[in-house]
């Protein structure tokens, strides 16, 4: 269950029993499906980039998808799709906030 106050939800590529989720490109596939959901709606060529509301990343060697809560406000069905993908595949979910990298000295 995800709280309504969460700013970002991390869908982790690890099942609840600790197994790595397959296929290995699952995060890219999920974000590709979600690419049309973006501020201002789909634009010509927007299928070629990820939505800022659903972004693949790797954290501590684990593939993840970061889903921003703005998606829940604008496209509730897309939000439900992403979270149900995690639930249906028994993936771990964490509420967090992605911080920018520190500037290099």
C-alpha atoms as a PDB file:
ATOM      1  CA  UNK A   1       0.000   0.000   0.000  1.00  0.00           C
ATOM      2  CA  UNK A   2       1.284   3.452  -0.930  1.00  0.00           C
ATOM      3  CA  UNK A   3       0.411   6.484   1.157  1.00  0.00           C
ATOM      4  CA  UNK A   4      -1.235   9.507  -0.444  1.00  0.00           C
ATOM      5  CA  UNK A   5       1.595  11.730   0.817  1.00  0.00           C
ATOM      6  CA  UNK A   6       4.377   9.881  -1.046  1.00  0.00           C
ATOM      7  CA  UNK A   7       6.143  12.126  -3.592  1.00  0.00           C
ATOM      8  CA  UNK A   8       7.810   9.247  -5.404  1.00  0.00           C
ATOM      9  CA  UNK A   9       7.414   5.494  -5.412  1.00  0.00           C
ATOM     10  CA  UNK A  10      10.323   3.219  -6.255  1.00  0.00           C
ATOM     11  CA  UNK A  11       9.368  -0.047  -7.913  1.00  0.00           C
ATOM     12  CA  UNK A  12      12.372  -2.272  -7.330  1.00  0.00           C
ATOM     13  CA  UNK A  13      13.407  -5.114  -9.601  1.00  0.00           C
ATOM     14  CA  UNK A  14      13.462  -7.550  -6.697  1.00  0.00           C
ATOM     15  CA  UNK A  15      10.562  -9.769  -5.705  1.00  0.00           C
ATOM     16  CA  UNK A  16       9.365  -9.930  -2.119  1.00  0.00           C
ATOM     17  CA  UNK A  17      11.271 -13.183  -1.660  1.00  0.00           C
ATOM     18  CA  UNK A  18      14.518 -11.522  -2.832  1.00  0.00           C
ATOM     19  CA  UNK A  19      14.782 -12.865  -6.387  1.00  0.00           C
ATOM     20  CA  UNK A  20      15.908 -10.603  -9.239  1.00  0.00           C
ATOM     21  CA  UNK A  21      12.966  -9.839 -11.522  1.00  0.00           C
ATOM     22  CA  UNK A  22      13.231 -10.937 -15.152  1.00  0.00           C
ATOM     23  CA  UNK A  23      13.354 -10.006 -17.967  1.00  0.00           C
ATOM     24  CA  UNK A  24      16.363  -7.793 -17.355  1.00  0.00           C
ATOM     25  CA  UNK A  25      14.881  -4.917 -19.396  1.00  0.00           C
ATOM     26  CA  UNK A  26      11.596  -4.804 -17.456  1.00  0.00           C
ATOM     27  CA  UNK A  27      12.188  -1.219 -16.234  1.00  0.00           C
ATOM     28  CA  UNK A  28      12.784   0.084 -19.758  1.00  0.00           C
ATOM     29  CA  UNK A  29       9.682  -1.711 -21.017  1.00  0.00           C
ATOM     30  CA  UNK A  30       7.477  -0.348 -18.253  1.00  0.00           C
ATOM     31  CA  UNK A  31       8.763   3.193 -18.757  1.00  0.00           C
ATOM     32  CA  UNK A  32       8.324   2.844 -22.508  1.00  0.00           C
ATOM     33  CA  UNK A  33       4.648   2.005 -22.024  1.00  0.00           C
ATOM     34  CA  UNK A  34       4.307   4.980 -19.667  1.00  0.00           C
ATOM     35  CA  UNK A  35       6.141   7.420 -21.996  1.00  0.00           C
ATOM     36  CA  UNK A  36       2.922   8.984 -23.304  1.00  0.00           C
ATOM     37  CA  UNK A  37       1.962  10.217 -19.833  1.00  0.00           C
ATOM     38  CA  UNK A  38       3.750  13.533 -19.425  1.00  0.00           C
ATOM     39  CA  UNK A  39       3.074  17.177 -18.624  1.00  0.00           C
ATOM     40  CA  UNK A  40       1.107  18.648 -21.511  1.00  0.00           C
ATOM     41  CA  UNK A  41       0.112  15.209 -22.779  1.00  0.00           C
ATOM     42  CA  UNK A  42       1.666  13.223 -25.596  1.00  0.00           C
ATOM     43  CA  UNK A  43       3.485  15.230 -28.268  1.00  0.00           C
ATOM     44  CA  UNK A  44       4.893  14.151 -31.640  1.00  0.00           C
ATOM     45  CA  UNK A  45       7.992  12.109 -30.894  1.00  0.00           C
ATOM     46  CA  UNK A  46       7.268  11.833 -27.163  1.00  0.00           C
ATOM     47  CA  UNK A  47       7.321   8.050 -27.471  1.00  0.00           C
ATOM     48  CA  UNK A  48      11.076   8.378 -28.022  1.00  0.00           C
ATOM     49  CA  UNK A  49      11.768   9.641 -24.482  1.00  0.00           C
ATOM     50  CA  UNK A  50      10.664   8.576 -21.035  1.00  0.00           C
ATOM     51  CA  UNK A  51       8.006  10.469 -19.150  1.00  0.00           C
ATOM     52  CA  UNK A  52       9.413  12.606 -16.327  1.00  0.00           C
ATOM     53  CA  UNK A  53       6.795  10.898 -14.145  1.00  0.00           C
ATOM     54  CA  UNK A  54       8.085   7.347 -14.754  1.00  0.00           C
ATOM     55  CA  UNK A  55      11.847   6.953 -15.075  1.00  0.00           C
ATOM     56  CA  UNK A  56      14.090   3.864 -15.028  1.00  0.00           C
ATOM     57  CA  UNK A  57      17.189   3.990 -12.853  1.00  0.00           C
ATOM     58  CA  UNK A  58      19.632   1.743 -11.013  1.00  0.00           C
ATOM     59  CA  UNK A  59      20.043   2.132  -7.254  1.00  0.00           C
ATOM     60  CA  UNK A  60      22.654   0.086  -5.410  1.00  0.00           C
ATOM     61  CA  UNK A  61      22.851  -2.268  -8.381  1.00  0.00           C
ATOM     62  CA  UNK A  62      19.077  -2.879  -8.474  1.00  0.00           C
ATOM     63  CA  UNK A  63      17.006  -1.831 -11.471  1.00  0.00           C
ATOM     64  CA  UNK A  64      14.146   0.405 -10.371  1.00  0.00           C
ATOM     65  CA  UNK A  65      11.403   2.567 -11.793  1.00  0.00           C
ATOM     66  CA  UNK A  66      10.737   5.879 -10.061  1.00  0.00           C
ATOM     67  CA  UNK A  67       7.085   6.866 -10.375  1.00  0.00           C
ATOM     68  CA  UNK A  68       6.316  10.478  -9.431  1.00  0.00           C
ATOM     69  CA  UNK A  69       3.081  11.221  -7.558  1.00  0.00           C
ATOM     70  CA  UNK A  70       2.141  13.892 -10.119  1.00  0.00           C
ATOM     71  CA  UNK A  71       1.131  10.982 -12.340  1.00  0.00           C
ATOM     72  CA  UNK A  72      -1.496   9.986  -9.756  1.00  0.00           C
ATOM     73  CA  UNK A  73      -3.039  13.471  -9.929  1.00  0.00           C
ATOM     74  CA  UNK A  74      -3.024  13.802 -13.734  1.00  0.00           C
ATOM     75  CA  UNK A  75      -3.568  10.203 -14.898  1.00  0.00           C
ATOM     76  CA  UNK A  76      -4.904   8.024 -12.052  1.00  0.00           C
ATOM     77  CA  UNK A  77      -5.334   4.995 -14.320  1.00  0.00           C
ATOM     78  CA  UNK A  78      -1.688   5.191 -15.421  1.00  0.00           C
ATOM     79  CA  UNK A  79      -0.643   5.426 -11.739  1.00  0.00           C
ATOM     80  CA  UNK A  80      -2.760   2.358 -10.966  1.00  0.00           C
ATOM     81  CA  UNK A  81      -1.256   0.520 -13.949  1.00  0.00           C
ATOM     82  CA  UNK A  82       2.297   1.076 -12.704  1.00  0.00           C
ATOM     83  CA  UNK A  83       1.505   0.052  -9.124  1.00  0.00           C
ATOM     84  CA  UNK A  84      -0.541  -2.940 -10.241  1.00  0.00           C
ATOM     85  CA  UNK A  85       2.392  -4.035 -12.413  1.00  0.00           C
ATOM     86  CA  UNK A  86       4.502  -4.120  -9.251  1.00  0.00           C
ATOM     87  CA  UNK A  87       1.791  -5.900  -7.271  1.00  0.00           C
ATOM     88  CA  UNK A  88       1.064  -8.465 -10.001  1.00  0.00           C
ATOM     89  CA  UNK A  89       4.766  -9.307 -10.273  1.00  0.00           C
ATOM     90  CA  UNK A  90       5.327  -9.333  -6.494  1.00  0.00           C
ATOM     91  CA  UNK A  91       7.918  -6.542  -6.727  1.00  0.00           C
ATOM     92  CA  UNK A  92       9.119  -4.547  -3.748  1.00  0.00           C
ATOM     93  CA  UNK A  93       7.885  -0.946  -3.515  1.00  0.00           C
ATOM     94  CA  UNK A  94       9.423   1.837  -1.455  1.00  0.00           C
ATOM     95  CA  UNK A  95       8.266   5.389  -0.858  1.00  0.00           C
ATOM     96  CA  UNK A  96      11.175   7.765  -1.149  1.00  0.00           C
ATOM     97  CA  UNK A  97      12.551  10.876  -2.785  1.00  0.00           C
ATOM     98  CA  UNK A  98      15.239  10.789  -5.448  1.00  0.00           C
ATOM     99  CA  UNK A  99      17.912  13.347  -4.554  1.00  0.00           C
ATOM    100  CA  UNK A 100      20.113  15.011  -7.156  1.00  0.00           C
ATOM    101  CA  UNK A 101      23.802  14.120  -7.275  1.00  0.00           C
ATOM    102  CA  UNK A 102      26.138  16.371  -5.329  1.00  0.00           C
ATOM    103  CA  UNK A 103      28.221  18.733  -7.465  1.00  0.00           C
ATOM    104  CA  UNK A 104      31.728  17.463  -8.102  1.00  0.00           C
ATOM    105  CA  UNK A 105      34.468  19.385  -6.336  1.00  0.00           C
END
